[in-house]
Amino acid sequence: MGGFEEVILPRLWPDHLGVLMMVLAVWRFIIIGFALIVLFIQPEGSTLIVILLGVSGICMIMDSIWVFAPNQNGIGAVDWCLHNQNLGALLVRIISFALPLFVAGATKNRQARGWALLLAGLAMVYFFTTWFVFQRSDFCIVG
C-alpha cells in the first residue's frame, strides 16, 4: 500500500506527466486560492454561501488528486487519462464553476460578488480547457 508521499503528492504536483499537466495543476491551485479568498470575505450569517464555496474548493481538490481514476495495479498506479475522461471528473469541474456563479448572485456582499465572478471565470476556463484537451480530442489515445 502506498503512503501519502507515493500516492497523493505525485497527483497534486504531476511534473512527471508533462508541461500541460503542470499548467493545469497550477491553475487548480489558483482556483482553490480564489475560493478561499471569496470564502473568507463573506460576512457572518451567510452559512449557505460558505458551504457552497467550500464544496467548490473541495471539488477542485478532488480533481487534483484524481478521485475518479480507476486503480490499475494497486494503489498509485492509475491512468490519469481515464480520470480526465470520466463523467465524475466532468461533473466535479462543472460544480466548481457553477457554485461560484450561484454565490455571486446570492451574496449580499458587493465586494465578494466580484471575486466570486472572477473565481467562476477561472474555473470555467479550466473546465473548458480540460474538456477540449482531454474529453473532446484524441490527446489520451496512444498508438
Protein backbone atom coordinates (compact mmCIF):
# COMPACT_ATOMS: atom_id res chain seq x y z
CA MET A 1 0.00 0.00 0.00
CA GLY A 2 1.35 3.39 -0.93
CA GLY A 3 1.52 6.22 1.51
CA PHE A 4 0.87 9.92 1.21
CA GLU A 5 4.24 10.56 -0.44
CA GLU A 6 3.80 7.85 -3.08
CA VAL A 7 0.12 8.36 -3.92
CA ILE A 8 -1.19 11.83 -3.17
CA LEU A 9 1.83 14.12 -3.69
CA PRO A 10 2.59 12.99 -7.27
CA ARG A 11 -1.05 13.65 -8.12
CA LEU A 12 -1.03 17.13 -6.59
CA TRP A 13 2.13 18.08 -8.46
CA PRO A 14 2.28 15.90 -11.61
CA ASP A 15 5.62 17.05 -13.01
CA HIS A 16 6.23 13.58 -14.41
CA LEU A 17 3.29 13.94 -16.84
CA GLY A 18 4.46 16.92 -18.83
CA VAL A 19 4.03 20.66 -19.12
CA LEU A 20 0.28 20.66 -19.76
CA MET A 21 -0.48 18.78 -16.56
CA MET A 22 1.78 21.15 -14.62
CA VAL A 23 -0.03 24.19 -16.02
CA LEU A 24 -3.37 22.63 -15.09
CA ALA A 25 -2.08 21.84 -11.58
CA VAL A 26 -1.06 25.46 -11.06
CA TRP A 27 -4.42 26.59 -12.45
CA ARG A 28 -6.22 24.33 -9.93
CA PHE A 29 -4.19 25.81 -7.06
CA ILE A 30 -5.10 29.32 -8.23
CA ILE A 31 -8.79 28.35 -8.29
CA ILE A 32 -8.54 26.89 -4.77
CA GLY A 33 -6.82 30.08 -3.59
CA PHE A 34 -9.54 32.29 -5.06
CA ALA A 35 -12.21 30.07 -3.49
CA LEU A 36 -10.55 30.65 -0.11
CA ILE A 37 -10.42 34.41 -0.71
CA VAL A 38 -14.13 34.55 -1.53
CA LEU A 39 -14.87 32.28 1.41
CA PHE A 40 -13.04 34.49 3.89
CA ILE A 41 -14.62 37.79 2.79
CA GLN A 42 -18.16 36.52 3.33
CA PRO A 43 -19.99 38.23 6.20
CA GLU A 44 -21.24 36.38 9.24
CA GLY A 45 -24.59 34.70 8.87
CA SER A 46 -24.13 33.52 5.30
CA THR A 47 -23.80 29.83 6.09
CA LEU A 48 -25.18 28.55 2.77
CA ILE A 49 -22.74 30.69 0.80
CA VAL A 50 -19.80 29.44 2.86
CA ILE A 51 -20.87 25.82 2.40
CA LEU A 52 -21.21 26.27 -1.37
CA LEU A 53 -17.78 27.86 -1.63
CA GLY A 54 -16.32 25.06 0.48
CA VAL A 55 -17.86 22.47 -1.84
CA SER A 56 -16.42 24.31 -4.84
CA GLY A 57 -12.92 24.22 -3.32
CA ILE A 58 -13.28 20.58 -2.33
CA CYS A 59 -14.30 19.73 -5.90
CA MET A 60 -11.04 21.22 -7.17
CA ILE A 61 -9.09 19.23 -4.58
CA MET A 62 -10.94 16.08 -5.68
CA ASP A 63 -9.96 16.84 -9.26
CA SER A 64 -6.35 17.41 -8.16
CA ILE A 65 -5.95 14.01 -6.53
CA TRP A 66 -7.70 12.14 -9.35
CA VAL A 67 -10.55 10.73 -7.29
CA PHE A 68 -12.23 9.27 -10.35
CA ALA A 69 -9.19 7.47 -11.75
CA PRO A 70 -9.50 3.69 -11.60
CA ASN A 71 -6.68 1.83 -9.88
CA GLN A 72 -4.86 -0.45 -12.24
CA ASN A 73 -2.16 -2.32 -10.35
CA GLY A 74 -2.72 -1.41 -6.75
CA ILE A 75 -2.66 1.99 -5.15
CA GLY A 76 -0.79 4.64 -7.06
CA ALA A 77 -0.89 3.02 -10.48
CA VAL A 78 -3.72 4.99 -12.04
CA ASP A 79 -4.46 6.17 -15.52
CA TRP A 80 -4.85 9.94 -15.48
CA CYS A 81 -6.43 9.87 -18.94
CA LEU A 82 -9.25 7.69 -17.60
CA HIS A 83 -9.73 10.19 -14.77
CA ASN A 84 -9.96 13.12 -17.17
CA GLN A 85 -12.41 11.29 -19.44
CA ASN A 86 -14.62 10.14 -16.56
CA LEU A 87 -18.11 11.54 -16.07
CA GLY A 88 -17.41 12.16 -12.38
CA ALA A 89 -14.45 14.41 -13.22
CA LEU A 90 -16.62 16.33 -15.67
CA LEU A 91 -19.34 16.85 -13.07
CA VAL A 92 -16.83 17.95 -10.41
CA ARG A 93 -15.46 20.57 -12.81
CA ILE A 94 -18.97 21.79 -13.64
CA ILE A 95 -19.76 22.12 -9.93
CA SER A 96 -16.53 24.05 -9.37
CA PHE A 97 -17.67 26.86 -11.69
CA ALA A 98 -21.44 26.68 -11.24
CA LEU A 99 -21.41 27.16 -7.47
CA PRO A 100 -19.37 30.41 -7.56
CA LEU A 101 -21.86 31.76 -10.11
CA PHE A 102 -24.65 30.98 -7.67
CA VAL A 103 -22.66 32.59 -4.86
CA ALA A 104 -22.11 35.75 -6.94
CA GLY A 105 -25.85 36.08 -7.42
CA ALA A 106 -26.87 35.18 -3.88
CA THR A 107 -24.35 37.08 -1.76
CA LYS A 108 -25.21 40.40 -0.22
CA ASN A 109 -21.57 41.45 -0.01
CA ARG A 110 -20.77 43.57 -3.08
CA GLN A 111 -17.03 43.04 -2.67
CA ALA A 112 -17.44 39.26 -2.64
CA ARG A 113 -19.60 39.36 -5.77
CA GLY A 114 -16.71 40.47 -7.98
CA TRP A 115 -14.33 37.93 -6.50
CA ALA A 116 -16.91 35.17 -6.95
CA LEU A 117 -17.39 36.11 -10.61
CA LEU A 118 -13.61 36.05 -11.09
CA LEU A 119 -13.48 32.63 -9.41
CA ALA A 120 -16.27 31.34 -11.65
CA GLY A 121 -14.47 32.67 -14.73
CA LEU A 122 -11.20 30.99 -13.77
CA ALA A 123 -12.97 27.71 -13.07
CA MET A 124 -14.91 27.97 -16.34
CA VAL A 125 -11.70 28.44 -18.33
CA TYR A 126 -10.22 25.42 -16.54
CA PHE A 127 -13.33 23.34 -17.26
CA PHE A 128 -13.43 24.18 -20.96
CA THR A 129 -9.67 23.67 -21.33
CA THR A 130 -9.81 20.19 -19.81
CA TRP A 131 -12.94 19.39 -21.80
CA PHE A 132 -11.32 20.45 -25.06
CA VAL A 133 -7.98 18.76 -24.45
CA PHE A 134 -8.95 15.54 -22.70
CA GLN A 135 -12.59 14.72 -23.30
CA ARG A 136 -13.05 16.00 -26.81
CA SER A 137 -9.81 15.09 -28.53
CA ASP A 138 -7.53 12.14 -29.07
CA PHE A 139 -4.96 13.54 -26.63
CA CYS A 140 -5.04 10.46 -24.41
CA ILE A 141 -5.21 7.84 -27.17
CA VAL A 142 -1.80 6.26 -27.66
CA GLY A 143 -0.84 4.33 -30.70
